[in-house]
PDBML (XML) file of the C-alpha atoms, coordinates in Angstrom:
<?xml version="1.0" encoding="UTF-8" ?>
<PDBx:datablock datablockName="MODEL"
   xmlns:PDBx="http://pdbml.pdb.org/schema/pdbx-v50.xsd"
   xmlns:xsi="http://www.w3.org/2001/XMLSchema-instance"
   xsi:schemaLocation="http://pdbml.pdb.org/schema/pdbx-v50.xsd pdbx-v50.xsd">
   <PDBx:atom_siteCategory>
      <PDBx:atom_site id="1">
         <PDBx:B_iso_or_equiv>0.00</PDBx:B_iso_or_equiv>
         <PDBx:Cartn_x>93.903</PDBx:Cartn_x>
         <PDBx:Cartn_y>116.561</PDBx:Cartn_y>
         <PDBx:Cartn_z>97.419</PDBx:Cartn_z>
         <PDBx:auth_asym_id>A</PDBx:auth_asym_id>
         <PDBx:auth_atom_id>CA</PDBx:auth_atom_id>
         <PDBx:auth_comp_id>GLU</PDBx:auth_comp_id>
         <PDBx:auth_seq_id>1</PDBx:auth_seq_id>
         <PDBx:group_PDB>ATOM</PDBx:group_PDB>
         <PDBx:label_alt_id xsi:nil="true" />
         <PDBx:label_asym_id>A</PDBx:label_asym_id>
         <PDBx:label_atom_id>CA</PDBx:label_atom_id>
         <PDBx:label_comp_id>GLU</PDBx:label_comp_id>
         <PDBx:label_entity_id>1</PDBx:label_entity_id>
         <PDBx:label_seq_id>1</PDBx:label_seq_id>
         <PDBx:occupancy>1.00</PDBx:occupancy>
         <PDBx:pdbx_PDB_model_num>1</PDBx:pdbx_PDB_model_num>
         <PDBx:type_symbol>C</PDBx:type_symbol>
      </PDBx:atom_site>
      <PDBx:atom_site id="2">
         <PDBx:B_iso_or_equiv>0.00</PDBx:B_iso_or_equiv>
         <PDBx:Cartn_x>91.761</PDBx:Cartn_x>
         <PDBx:Cartn_y>115.322</PDBx:Cartn_y>
         <PDBx:Cartn_z>94.572</PDBx:Cartn_z>
         <PDBx:auth_asym_id>A</PDBx:auth_asym_id>
         <PDBx:auth_atom_id>CA</PDBx:auth_atom_id>
         <PDBx:auth_comp_id>ASN</PDBx:auth_comp_id>
         <PDBx:auth_seq_id>2</PDBx:auth_seq_id>
         <PDBx:group_PDB>ATOM</PDBx:group_PDB>
         <PDBx:label_alt_id xsi:nil="true" />
         <PDBx:label_asym_id>A</PDBx:label_asym_id>
         <PDBx:label_atom_id>CA</PDBx:label_atom_id>
         <PDBx:label_comp_id>ASN</PDBx:label_comp_id>
         <PDBx:label_entity_id>1</PDBx:label_entity_id>
         <PDBx:label_seq_id>2</PDBx:label_seq_id>
         <PDBx:occupancy>1.00</PDBx:occupancy>
         <PDBx:pdbx_PDB_model_num>1</PDBx:pdbx_PDB_model_num>
         <PDBx:type_symbol>C</PDBx:type_symbol>
      </PDBx:atom_site>
      <PDBx:atom_site id="3">
         <PDBx:B_iso_or_equiv>0.00</PDBx:B_iso_or_equiv>
         <PDBx:Cartn_x>88.386</PDBx:Cartn_x>
         <PDBx:Cartn_y>113.847</PDBx:Cartn_y>
         <PDBx:Cartn_z>95.210</PDBx:Cartn_z>
         <PDBx:auth_asym_id>A</PDBx:auth_asym_id>
         <PDBx:auth_atom_id>CA</PDBx:auth_atom_id>
         <PDBx:auth_comp_id>THR</PDBx:auth_comp_id>
         <PDBx:auth_seq_id>3</PDBx:auth_seq_id>
         <PDBx:group_PDB>ATOM</PDBx:group_PDB>
         <PDBx:label_alt_id xsi:nil="true" />
         <PDBx:label_asym_id>A</PDBx:label_asym_id>
         <PDBx:label_atom_id>CA</PDBx:label_atom_id>
         <PDBx:label_comp_id>THR</PDBx:label_comp_id>
         <PDBx:label_entity_id>1</PDBx:label_entity_id>
         <PDBx:label_seq_id>3</PDBx:label_seq_id>
         <PDBx:occupancy>1.00</PDBx:occupancy>
         <PDBx:pdbx_PDB_model_num>1</PDBx:pdbx_PDB_model_num>
         <PDBx:type_symbol>C</PDBx:type_symbol>
      </PDBx:atom_site>
      <PDBx:atom_site id="4">
         <PDBx:B_iso_or_equiv>0.00</PDBx:B_iso_or_equiv>
         <PDBx:Cartn_x>88.862</PDBx:Cartn_x>
         <PDBx:Cartn_y>110.179</PDBx:Cartn_y>
         <PDBx:Cartn_z>94.258</PDBx:Cartn_z>
         <PDBx:auth_asym_id>A</PDBx:auth_asym_id>
         <PDBx:auth_atom_id>CA</PDBx:auth_atom_id>
         <PDBx:auth_comp_id>GLY</PDBx:auth_comp_id>
         <PDBx:auth_seq_id>4</PDBx:auth_seq_id>
         <PDBx:group_PDB>ATOM</PDBx:group_PDB>
         <PDBx:label_alt_id xsi:nil="true" />
         <PDBx:label_asym_id>A</PDBx:label_asym_id>
         <PDBx:label_atom_id>CA</PDBx:label_atom_id>
         <PDBx:label_comp_id>GLY</PDBx:label_comp_id>
         <PDBx:label_entity_id>1</PDBx:label_entity_id>
         <PDBx:label_seq_id>4</PDBx:label_seq_id>
         <PDBx:occupancy>1.00</PDBx:occupancy>
         <PDBx:pdbx_PDB_model_num>1</PDBx:pdbx_PDB_model_num>
         <PDBx:type_symbol>C</PDBx:type_symbol>
      </PDBx:atom_site>
      <PDBx:atom_site id="5">
         <PDBx:B_iso_or_equiv>0.00</PDBx:B_iso_or_equiv>
         <PDBx:Cartn_x>92.698</PDBx:Cartn_x>
         <PDBx:Cartn_y>110.421</PDBx:Cartn_y>
         <PDBx:Cartn_z>94.223</PDBx:Cartn_z>
         <PDBx:auth_asym_id>A</PDBx:auth_asym_id>
         <PDBx:auth_atom_id>CA</PDBx:auth_atom_id>
         <PDBx:auth_comp_id>TYR</PDBx:auth_comp_id>
         <PDBx:auth_seq_id>5</PDBx:auth_seq_id>
         <PDBx:group_PDB>ATOM</PDBx:group_PDB>
         <PDBx:label_alt_id xsi:nil="true" />
         <PDBx:label_asym_id>A</PDBx:label_asym_id>
         <PDBx:label_atom_id>CA</PDBx:label_atom_id>
         <PDBx:label_comp_id>TYR</PDBx:label_comp_id>
         <PDBx:label_entity_id>1</PDBx:label_entity_id>
         <PDBx:label_seq_id>5</PDBx:label_seq_id>
         <PDBx:occupancy>1.00</PDBx:occupancy>
         <PDBx:pdbx_PDB_model_num>1</PDBx:pdbx_PDB_model_num>
         <PDBx:type_symbol>C</PDBx:type_symbol>
      </PDBx:atom_site>
      <PDBx:atom_site id="6">
         <PDBx:B_iso_or_equiv>0.00</PDBx:B_iso_or_equiv>
         <PDBx:Cartn_x>95.234</PDBx:Cartn_x>
         <PDBx:Cartn_y>107.479</PDBx:Cartn_y>
         <PDBx:Cartn_z>95.669</PDBx:Cartn_z>
         <PDBx:auth_asym_id>A</PDBx:auth_asym_id>
         <PDBx:auth_atom_id>CA</PDBx:auth_atom_id>
         <PDBx:auth_comp_id>VAL</PDBx:auth_comp_id>
         <PDBx:auth_seq_id>6</PDBx:auth_seq_id>
         <PDBx:group_PDB>ATOM</PDBx:group_PDB>
         <PDBx:label_alt_id xsi:nil="true" />
         <PDBx:label_asym_id>A</PDBx:label_asym_id>
         <PDBx:label_atom_id>CA</PDBx:label_atom_id>
         <PDBx:label_comp_id>VAL</PDBx:label_comp_id>
         <PDBx:label_entity_id>1</PDBx:label_entity_id>
         <PDBx:label_seq_id>6</PDBx:label_seq_id>
         <PDBx:occupancy>1.00</PDBx:occupancy>
         <PDBx:pdbx_PDB_model_num>1</PDBx:pdbx_PDB_model_num>
         <PDBx:type_symbol>C</PDBx:type_symbol>
      </PDBx:atom_site>
      <PDBx:atom_site id="7">
         <PDBx:B_iso_or_equiv>0.00</PDBx:B_iso_or_equiv>
         <PDBx:Cartn_x>96.959</PDBx:Cartn_x>
         <PDBx:Cartn_y>109.784</PDBx:Cartn_y>
         <PDBx:Cartn_z>98.007</PDBx:Cartn_z>
         <PDBx:auth_asym_id>A</PDBx:auth_asym_id>
         <PDBx:auth_atom_id>CA</PDBx:auth_atom_id>
         <PDBx:auth_comp_id>GLU</PDBx:auth_comp_id>
         <PDBx:auth_seq_id>7</PDBx:auth_seq_id>
         <PDBx:group_PDB>ATOM</PDBx:group_PDB>
         <PDBx:label_alt_id xsi:nil="true" />
         <PDBx:label_asym_id>A</PDBx:label_asym_id>
         <PDBx:label_atom_id>CA</PDBx:label_atom_id>
         <PDBx:label_comp_id>GLU</PDBx:label_comp_id>
         <PDBx:label_entity_id>1</PDBx:label_entity_id>
         <PDBx:label_seq_id>7</PDBx:label_seq_id>
         <PDBx:occupancy>1.00</PDBx:occupancy>
         <PDBx:pdbx_PDB_model_num>1</PDBx:pdbx_PDB_model_num>
         <PDBx:type_symbol>C</PDBx:type_symbol>
      </PDBx:atom_site>
      <PDBx:atom_site id="8">
         <PDBx:B_iso_or_equiv>0.00</PDBx:B_iso_or_equiv>
         <PDBx:Cartn_x>94.025</PDBx:Cartn_x>
         <PDBx:Cartn_y>110.270</PDBx:Cartn_y>
         <PDBx:Cartn_z>99.948</PDBx:Cartn_z>
         <PDBx:auth_asym_id>A</PDBx:auth_asym_id>
         <PDBx:auth_atom_id>CA</PDBx:auth_atom_id>
         <PDBx:auth_comp_id>VAL</PDBx:auth_comp_id>
         <PDBx:auth_seq_id>8</PDBx:auth_seq_id>
         <PDBx:group_PDB>ATOM</PDBx:group_PDB>
         <PDBx:label_alt_id xsi:nil="true" />
         <PDBx:label_asym_id>A</PDBx:label_asym_id>
         <PDBx:label_atom_id>CA</PDBx:label_atom_id>
         <PDBx:label_comp_id>VAL</PDBx:label_comp_id>
         <PDBx:label_entity_id>1</PDBx:label_entity_id>
         <PDBx:label_seq_id>8</PDBx:label_seq_id>
         <PDBx:occupancy>1.00</PDBx:occupancy>
         <PDBx:pdbx_PDB_model_num>1</PDBx:pdbx_PDB_model_num>
         <PDBx:type_symbol>C</PDBx:type_symbol>
      </PDBx:atom_site>
      <PDBx:atom_site id="9">
         <PDBx:B_iso_or_equiv>0.00</PDBx:B_iso_or_equiv>
         <PDBx:Cartn_x>93.726</PDBx:Cartn_x>
         <PDBx:Cartn_y>107.042</PDBx:Cartn_y>
         <PDBx:Cartn_z>101.775</PDBx:Cartn_z>
         <PDBx:auth_asym_id>A</PDBx:auth_asym_id>
         <PDBx:auth_atom_id>CA</PDBx:auth_atom_id>
         <PDBx:auth_comp_id>PRO</PDBx:auth_comp_id>
         <PDBx:auth_seq_id>9</PDBx:auth_seq_id>
         <PDBx:group_PDB>ATOM</PDBx:group_PDB>
         <PDBx:label_alt_id xsi:nil="true" />
         <PDBx:label_asym_id>A</PDBx:label_asym_id>
         <PDBx:label_atom_id>CA</PDBx:label_atom_id>
         <PDBx:label_comp_id>PRO</PDBx:label_comp_id>
         <PDBx:label_entity_id>1</PDBx:label_entity_id>
         <PDBx:label_seq_id>9</PDBx:label_seq_id>
         <PDBx:occupancy>1.00</PDBx:occupancy>
         <PDBx:pdbx_PDB_model_num>1</PDBx:pdbx_PDB_model_num>
         <PDBx:type_symbol>C</PDBx:type_symbol>
      </PDBx:atom_site>
      <PDBx:atom_site id="10">
         <PDBx:B_iso_or_equiv>0.00</PDBx:B_iso_or_equiv>
         <PDBx:Cartn_x>97.437</PDBx:Cartn_x>
         <PDBx:Cartn_y>106.992</PDBx:Cartn_y>
         <PDBx:Cartn_z>101.690</PDBx:Cartn_z>
         <PDBx:auth_asym_id>A</PDBx:auth_asym_id>
         <PDBx:auth_atom_id>CA</PDBx:auth_atom_id>
         <PDBx:auth_comp_id>LEU</PDBx:auth_comp_id>
         <PDBx:auth_seq_id>10</PDBx:auth_seq_id>
         <PDBx:group_PDB>ATOM</PDBx:group_PDB>
         <PDBx:label_alt_id xsi:nil="true" />
         <PDBx:label_asym_id>A</PDBx:label_asym_id>
         <PDBx:label_atom_id>CA</PDBx:label_atom_id>
         <PDBx:label_comp_id>LEU</PDBx:label_comp_id>
         <PDBx:label_entity_id>1</PDBx:label_entity_id>
         <PDBx:label_seq_id>10</PDBx:label_seq_id>
         <PDBx:occupancy>1.00</PDBx:occupancy>
         <PDBx:pdbx_PDB_model_num>1</PDBx:pdbx_PDB_model_num>
         <PDBx:type_symbol>C</PDBx:type_symbol>
      </PDBx:atom_site>
      <PDBx:atom_site id="11">
         <PDBx:B_iso_or_equiv>0.00</PDBx:B_iso_or_equiv>
         <PDBx:Cartn_x>97.415</PDBx:Cartn_x>
         <PDBx:Cartn_y>110.191</PDBx:Cartn_y>
         <PDBx:Cartn_z>103.907</PDBx:Cartn_z>
         <PDBx:auth_asym_id>A</PDBx:auth_asym_id>
         <PDBx:auth_atom_id>CA</PDBx:auth_atom_id>
         <PDBx:auth_comp_id>ILE</PDBx:auth_comp_id>
         <PDBx:auth_seq_id>11</PDBx:auth_seq_id>
         <PDBx:group_PDB>ATOM</PDBx:group_PDB>
         <PDBx:label_alt_id xsi:nil="true" />
         <PDBx:label_asym_id>A</PDBx:label_asym_id>
         <PDBx:label_atom_id>CA</PDBx:label_atom_id>
         <PDBx:label_comp_id>ILE</PDBx:label_comp_id>
         <PDBx:label_entity_id>1</PDBx:label_entity_id>
         <PDBx:label_seq_id>11</PDBx:label_seq_id>
         <PDBx:occupancy>1.00</PDBx:occupancy>
         <PDBx:pdbx_PDB_model_num>1</PDBx:pdbx_PDB_model_num>
         <PDBx:type_symbol>C</PDBx:type_symbol>
      </PDBx:atom_site>
      <PDBx:atom_site id="12">
         <PDBx:B_iso_or_equiv>0.00</PDBx:B_iso_or_equiv>
         <PDBx:Cartn_x>94.100</PDBx:Cartn_x>
         <PDBx:Cartn_y>109.040</PDBx:Cartn_y>
         <PDBx:Cartn_z>106.098</PDBx:Cartn_z>
         <PDBx:auth_asym_id>A</PDBx:auth_asym_id>
         <PDBx:auth_atom_id>CA</PDBx:auth_atom_id>
         <PDBx:auth_comp_id>GLN</PDBx:auth_comp_id>
         <PDBx:auth_seq_id>12</PDBx:auth_seq_id>
         <PDBx:group_PDB>ATOM</PDBx:group_PDB>
         <PDBx:label_alt_id xsi:nil="true" />
         <PDBx:label_asym_id>A</PDBx:label_asym_id>
         <PDBx:label_atom_id>CA</PDBx:label_atom_id>
         <PDBx:label_comp_id>GLN</PDBx:label_comp_id>
         <PDBx:label_entity_id>1</PDBx:label_entity_id>
         <PDBx:label_seq_id>12</PDBx:label_seq_id>
         <PDBx:occupancy>1.00</PDBx:occupancy>
         <PDBx:pdbx_PDB_model_num>1</PDBx:pdbx_PDB_model_num>
         <PDBx:type_symbol>C</PDBx:type_symbol>
      </PDBx:atom_site>
      <PDBx:atom_site id="13">
         <PDBx:B_iso_or_equiv>0.00</PDBx:B_iso_or_equiv>
         <PDBx:Cartn_x>96.248</PDBx:Cartn_x>
         <PDBx:Cartn_y>105.829</PDBx:Cartn_y>
         <PDBx:Cartn_z>106.562</PDBx:Cartn_z>
         <PDBx:auth_asym_id>A</PDBx:auth_asym_id>
         <PDBx:auth_atom_id>CA</PDBx:auth_atom_id>
         <PDBx:auth_comp_id>ASP</PDBx:auth_comp_id>
         <PDBx:auth_seq_id>13</PDBx:auth_seq_id>
         <PDBx:group_PDB>ATOM</PDBx:group_PDB>
         <PDBx:label_alt_id xsi:nil="true" />
         <PDBx:label_asym_id>A</PDBx:label_asym_id>
         <PDBx:label_atom_id>CA</PDBx:label_atom_id>
         <PDBx:label_comp_id>ASP</PDBx:label_comp_id>
         <PDBx:label_entity_id>1</PDBx:label_entity_id>
         <PDBx:label_seq_id>13</PDBx:label_seq_id>
         <PDBx:occupancy>1.00</PDBx:occupancy>
         <PDBx:pdbx_PDB_model_num>1</PDBx:pdbx_PDB_model_num>
         <PDBx:type_symbol>C</PDBx:type_symbol>
      </PDBx:atom_site>
      <PDBx:atom_site id="14">
         <PDBx:B_iso_or_equiv>0.00</PDBx:B_iso_or_equiv>
         <PDBx:Cartn_x>98.886</PDBx:Cartn_x>
         <PDBx:Cartn_y>108.005</PDBx:Cartn_y>
         <PDBx:Cartn_z>108.696</PDBx:Cartn_z>
         <PDBx:auth_asym_id>A</PDBx:auth_asym_id>
         <PDBx:auth_atom_id>CA</PDBx:auth_atom_id>
         <PDBx:auth_comp_id>LEU</PDBx:auth_comp_id>
         <PDBx:auth_seq_id>14</PDBx:auth_seq_id>
         <PDBx:group_PDB>ATOM</PDBx:group_PDB>
         <PDBx:label_alt_id xsi:nil="true" />
         <PDBx:label_asym_id>A</PDBx:label_asym_id>
         <PDBx:label_atom_id>CA</PDBx:label_atom_id>
         <PDBx:label_comp_id>LEU</PDBx:label_comp_id>
         <PDBx:label_entity_id>1</PDBx:label_entity_id>
         <PDBx:label_seq_id>14</PDBx:label_seq_id>
         <PDBx:occupancy>1.00</PDBx:occupancy>
         <PDBx:pdbx_PDB_model_num>1</PDBx:pdbx_PDB_model_num>
         <PDBx:type_symbol>C</PDBx:type_symbol>
      </PDBx:atom_site>
      <PDBx:atom_site id="15">
         <PDBx:B_iso_or_equiv>0.00</PDBx:B_iso_or_equiv>
         <PDBx:Cartn_x>96.002</PDBx:Cartn_x>
         <PDBx:Cartn_y>108.994</PDBx:Cartn_y>
         <PDBx:Cartn_z>111.300</PDBx:Cartn_z>
         <PDBx:auth_asym_id>A</PDBx:auth_asym_id>
         <PDBx:auth_atom_id>CA</PDBx:auth_atom_id>
         <PDBx:auth_comp_id>ALA</PDBx:auth_comp_id>
         <PDBx:auth_seq_id>15</PDBx:auth_seq_id>
         <PDBx:group_PDB>ATOM</PDBx:group_PDB>
         <PDBx:label_alt_id xsi:nil="true" />
         <PDBx:label_asym_id>A</PDBx:label_asym_id>
         <PDBx:label_atom_id>CA</PDBx:label_atom_id>
         <PDBx:label_comp_id>ALA</PDBx:label_comp_id>
         <PDBx:label_entity_id>1</PDBx:label_entity_id>
         <PDBx:label_seq_id>15</PDBx:label_seq_id>
         <PDBx:occupancy>1.00</PDBx:occupancy>
         <PDBx:pdbx_PDB_model_num>1</PDBx:pdbx_PDB_model_num>
         <PDBx:type_symbol>C</PDBx:type_symbol>
      </PDBx:atom_site>
      <PDBx:atom_site id="16">
         <PDBx:B_iso_or_equiv>0.00</PDBx:B_iso_or_equiv>
         <PDBx:Cartn_x>96.271</PDBx:Cartn_x>
         <PDBx:Cartn_y>106.135</PDBx:Cartn_y>
         <PDBx:Cartn_z>113.673</PDBx:Cartn_z>
         <PDBx:auth_asym_id>A</PDBx:auth_asym_id>
         <PDBx:auth_atom_id>CA</PDBx:auth_atom_id>
         <PDBx:auth_comp_id>PRO</PDBx:auth_comp_id>
         <PDBx:auth_seq_id>16</PDBx:auth_seq_id>
         <PDBx:group_PDB>ATOM</PDBx:group_PDB>
         <PDBx:label_alt_id xsi:nil="true" />
         <PDBx:label_asym_id>A</PDBx:label_asym_id>
         <PDBx:label_atom_id>CA</PDBx:label_atom_id>
         <PDBx:label_comp_id>PRO</PDBx:label_comp_id>
         <PDBx:label_entity_id>1</PDBx:label_entity_id>
         <PDBx:label_seq_id>16</PDBx:label_seq_id>
         <PDBx:occupancy>1.00</PDBx:occupancy>
         <PDBx:pdbx_PDB_model_num>1</PDBx:pdbx_PDB_model_num>
         <PDBx:type_symbol>C</PDBx:type_symbol>
      </PDBx:atom_site>
      <PDBx:atom_site id="17">
         <PDBx:B_iso_or_equiv>0.00</PDBx:B_iso_or_equiv>
         <PDBx:Cartn_x>100.064</PDBx:Cartn_x>
         <PDBx:Cartn_y>106.418</PDBx:Cartn_y>
         <PDBx:Cartn_z>113.770</PDBx:Cartn_z>
         <PDBx:auth_asym_id>A</PDBx:auth_asym_id>
         <PDBx:auth_atom_id>CA</PDBx:auth_atom_id>
         <PDBx:auth_comp_id>LYS</PDBx:auth_comp_id>
         <PDBx:auth_seq_id>17</PDBx:auth_seq_id>
         <PDBx:group_PDB>ATOM</PDBx:group_PDB>
         <PDBx:label_alt_id xsi:nil="true" />
         <PDBx:label_asym_id>A</PDBx:label_asym_id>
         <PDBx:label_atom_id>CA</PDBx:label_atom_id>
         <PDBx:label_comp_id>LYS</PDBx:label_comp_id>
         <PDBx:label_entity_id>1</PDBx:label_entity_id>
         <PDBx:label_seq_id>17</PDBx:label_seq_id>
         <PDBx:occupancy>1.00</PDBx:occupancy>
         <PDBx:pdbx_PDB_model_num>1</PDBx:pdbx_PDB_model_num>
         <PDBx:type_symbol>C</PDBx:type_symbol>
      </PDBx:atom_site>
      <PDBx:atom_site id="18">
         <PDBx:B_iso_or_equiv>0.00</PDBx:B_iso_or_equiv>
         <PDBx:Cartn_x>99.796</PDBx:Cartn_x>
         <PDBx:Cartn_y>109.745</PDBx:Cartn_y>
         <PDBx:Cartn_z>114.574</PDBx:Cartn_z>
         <PDBx:auth_asym_id>A</PDBx:auth_asym_id>
         <PDBx:auth_atom_id>CA</PDBx:auth_atom_id>
         <PDBx:auth_comp_id>CYS</PDBx:auth_comp_id>
         <PDBx:auth_seq_id>18</PDBx:auth_seq_id>
         <PDBx:group_PDB>ATOM</PDBx:group_PDB>
         <PDBx:label_alt_id xsi:nil="true" />
         <PDBx:label_asym_id>A</PDBx:label_asym_id>
         <PDBx:label_atom_id>CA</PDBx:label_atom_id>
         <PDBx:label_comp_id>CYS</PDBx:label_comp_id>
         <PDBx:label_entity_id>1</PDBx:label_entity_id>
         <PDBx:label_seq_id>18</PDBx:label_seq_id>
         <PDBx:occupancy>1.00</PDBx:occupancy>
         <PDBx:pdbx_PDB_model_num>1</PDBx:pdbx_PDB_model_num>
         <PDBx:type_symbol>C</PDBx:type_symbol>
      </PDBx:atom_site>
      <PDBx:atom_site id="19">
         <PDBx:B_iso_or_equiv>0.00</PDBx:B_iso_or_equiv>
         <PDBx:Cartn_x>97.413</PDBx:Cartn_x>
         <PDBx:Cartn_y>109.650</PDBx:Cartn_y>
         <PDBx:Cartn_z>117.316</PDBx:Cartn_z>
         <PDBx:auth_asym_id>A</PDBx:auth_asym_id>
         <PDBx:auth_atom_id>CA</PDBx:auth_atom_id>
         <PDBx:auth_comp_id>GLU</PDBx:auth_comp_id>
         <PDBx:auth_seq_id>19</PDBx:auth_seq_id>
         <PDBx:group_PDB>ATOM</PDBx:group_PDB>
         <PDBx:label_alt_id xsi:nil="true" />
         <PDBx:label_asym_id>A</PDBx:label_asym_id>
         <PDBx:label_atom_id>CA</PDBx:label_atom_id>
         <PDBx:label_comp_id>GLU</PDBx:label_comp_id>
         <PDBx:label_entity_id>1</PDBx:label_entity_id>
         <PDBx:label_seq_id>19</PDBx:label_seq_id>
         <PDBx:occupancy>1.00</PDBx:occupancy>
         <PDBx:pdbx_PDB_model_num>1</PDBx:pdbx_PDB_model_num>
         <PDBx:type_symbol>C</PDBx:type_symbol>
      </PDBx:atom_site>
      <PDBx:atom_site id="20">
         <PDBx:B_iso_or_equiv>0.00</PDBx:B_iso_or_equiv>
         <PDBx:Cartn_x>99.473</PDBx:Cartn_x>
         <PDBx:Cartn_y>106.663</PDBx:Cartn_y>
         <PDBx:Cartn_z>118.634</PDBx:Cartn_z>
         <PDBx:auth_asym_id>A</PDBx:auth_asym_id>
         <PDBx:auth_atom_id>CA</PDBx:auth_atom_id>
         <PDBx:auth_comp_id>ALA</PDBx:auth_comp_id>
         <PDBx:auth_seq_id>20</PDBx:auth_seq_id>
         <PDBx:group_PDB>ATOM</PDBx:group_PDB>
         <PDBx:label_alt_id xsi:nil="true" />
         <PDBx:label_asym_id>A</PDBx:label_asym_id>
         <PDBx:label_atom_id>CA</PDBx:label_atom_id>
         <PDBx:label_comp_id>ALA</PDBx:label_comp_id>
         <PDBx:label_entity_id>1</PDBx:label_entity_id>
         <PDBx:label_seq_id>20</PDBx:label_seq_id>
         <PDBx:occupancy>1.00</PDBx:occupancy>
         <PDBx:pdbx_PDB_model_num>1</PDBx:pdbx_PDB_model_num>
         <PDBx:type_symbol>C</PDBx:type_symbol>
      </PDBx:atom_site>
      <PDBx:atom_site id="21">
         <PDBx:B_iso_or_equiv>0.00</PDBx:B_iso_or_equiv>
         <PDBx:Cartn_x>102.325</PDBx:Cartn_x>
         <PDBx:Cartn_y>108.605</PDBx:Cartn_y>
         <PDBx:Cartn_z>119.407</PDBx:Cartn_z>
         <PDBx:auth_asym_id>A</PDBx:auth_asym_id>
         <PDBx:auth_atom_id>CA</PDBx:auth_atom_id>
         <PDBx:auth_comp_id>GLU</PDBx:auth_comp_id>
         <PDBx:auth_seq_id>21</PDBx:auth_seq_id>
         <PDBx:group_PDB>ATOM</PDBx:group_PDB>
         <PDBx:label_alt_id xsi:nil="true" />
         <PDBx:label_asym_id>A</PDBx:label_asym_id>
         <PDBx:label_atom_id>CA</PDBx:label_atom_id>
         <PDBx:label_comp_id>GLU</PDBx:label_comp_id>
         <PDBx:label_entity_id>1</PDBx:label_entity_id>
         <PDBx:label_seq_id>21</PDBx:label_seq_id>
         <PDBx:occupancy>1.00</PDBx:occupancy>
         <PDBx:pdbx_PDB_model_num>1</PDBx:pdbx_PDB_model_num>
         <PDBx:type_symbol>C</PDBx:type_symbol>
      </PDBx:atom_site>
      <PDBx:atom_site id="22">
         <PDBx:B_iso_or_equiv>0.00</PDBx:B_iso_or_equiv>
         <PDBx:Cartn_x>100.151</PDBx:Cartn_x>
         <PDBx:Cartn_y>111.573</PDBx:Cartn_y>
         <PDBx:Cartn_z>120.674</PDBx:Cartn_z>
         <PDBx:auth_asym_id>A</PDBx:auth_asym_id>
         <PDBx:auth_atom_id>CA</PDBx:auth_atom_id>
         <PDBx:auth_comp_id>GLY</PDBx:auth_comp_id>
         <PDBx:auth_seq_id>22</PDBx:auth_seq_id>
         <PDBx:group_PDB>ATOM</PDBx:group_PDB>
         <PDBx:label_alt_id xsi:nil="true" />
         <PDBx:label_asym_id>A</PDBx:label_asym_id>
         <PDBx:label_atom_id>CA</PDBx:label_atom_id>
         <PDBx:label_comp_id>GLY</PDBx:label_comp_id>
         <PDBx:label_entity_id>1</PDBx:label_entity_id>
         <PDBx:label_seq_id>22</PDBx:label_seq_id>
         <PDBx:occupancy>1.00</PDBx:occupancy>
         <PDBx:pdbx_PDB_model_num>1</PDBx:pdbx_PDB_model_num>
         <PDBx:type_symbol>C</PDBx:type_symbol>
      </PDBx:atom_site>
      <PDBx:atom_site id="23">
         <PDBx:B_iso_or_equiv>0.00</PDBx:B_iso_or_equiv>
         <PDBx:Cartn_x>100.191</PDBx:Cartn_x>
         <PDBx:Cartn_y>114.200</PDBx:Cartn_y>
         <PDBx:Cartn_z>117.645</PDBx:Cartn_z>
         <PDBx:auth_asym_id>A</PDBx:auth_asym_id>
         <PDBx:auth_atom_id>CA</PDBx:auth_atom_id>
         <PDBx:auth_comp_id>LYS</PDBx:auth_comp_id>
         <PDBx:auth_seq_id>23</PDBx:auth_seq_id>
         <PDBx:group_PDB>ATOM</PDBx:group_PDB>
         <PDBx:label_alt_id xsi:nil="true" />
         <PDBx:label_asym_id>A</PDBx:label_asym_id>
         <PDBx:label_atom_id>CA</PDBx:label_atom_id>
         <PDBx:label_comp_id>LYS</PDBx:label_comp_id>
         <PDBx:label_entity_id>1</PDBx:label_entity_id>
         <PDBx:label_seq_id>23</PDBx:label_seq_id>
         <PDBx:occupancy>1.00</PDBx:occupancy>
         <PDBx:pdbx_PDB_model_num>1</PDBx:pdbx_PDB_model_num>
         <PDBx:type_symbol>C</PDBx:type_symbol>
      </PDBx:atom_site>
      <PDBx:atom_site id="24">
         <PDBx:B_iso_or_equiv>0.00</PDBx:B_iso_or_equiv>
         <PDBx:Cartn_x>97.210</PDBx:Cartn_x>
         <PDBx:Cartn_y>115.435</PDBx:Cartn_y>
         <PDBx:Cartn_z>115.396</PDBx:Cartn_z>
         <PDBx:auth_asym_id>A</PDBx:auth_asym_id>
         <PDBx:auth_atom_id>CA</PDBx:auth_atom_id>
         <PDBx:auth_comp_id>PRO</PDBx:auth_comp_id>
         <PDBx:auth_seq_id>24</PDBx:auth_seq_id>
         <PDBx:group_PDB>ATOM</PDBx:group_PDB>
         <PDBx:label_alt_id xsi:nil="true" />
         <PDBx:label_asym_id>A</PDBx:label_asym_id>
         <PDBx:label_atom_id>CA</PDBx:label_atom_id>
         <PDBx:label_comp_id>PRO</PDBx:label_comp_id>
         <PDBx:label_entity_id>1</PDBx:label_entity_id>
         <PDBx:label_seq_id>24</PDBx:label_seq_id>
         <PDBx:occupancy>1.00</PDBx:occupancy>
         <PDBx:pdbx_PDB_model_num>1</PDBx:pdbx_PDB_model_num>
         <PDBx:type_symbol>C</PDBx:type_symbol>
      </PDBx:atom_site>
      <PDBx:atom_site id="25">
         <PDBx:B_iso_or_equiv>0.00</PDBx:B_iso_or_equiv>
         <PDBx:Cartn_x>96.321</PDBx:Cartn_x>
         <PDBx:Cartn_y>113.700</PDBx:Cartn_y>
         <PDBx:Cartn_z>112.440</PDBx:Cartn_z>
         <PDBx:auth_asym_id>A</PDBx:auth_asym_id>
         <PDBx:auth_atom_id>CA</PDBx:auth_atom_id>
         <PDBx:auth_comp_id>LYS</PDBx:auth_comp_id>
         <PDBx:auth_seq_id>25</PDBx:auth_seq_id>
         <PDBx:group_PDB>ATOM</PDBx:group_PDB>
         <PDBx:label_alt_id xsi:nil="true" />
         <PDBx:label_asym_id>A</PDBx:label_asym_id>
         <PDBx:label_atom_id>CA</PDBx:label_atom_id>
         <PDBx:label_comp_id>LYS</PDBx:label_comp_id>
         <PDBx:label_entity_id>1</PDBx:label_entity_id>
         <PDBx:label_seq_id>25</PDBx:label_seq_id>
         <PDBx:occupancy>1.00</PDBx:occupancy>
         <PDBx:pdbx_PDB_model_num>1</PDBx:pdbx_PDB_model_num>
         <PDBx:type_symbol>C</PDBx:type_symbol>
      </PDBx:atom_site>
   </PDBx:atom_siteCategory>
</PDBx:datablock>
């Protein structure tokens, strides 16, 4: 992703959801 793009925090927000299901972020 491009530095500063709005997609970056949207992808980062997936981390706890993935880890809650035992999957890598």
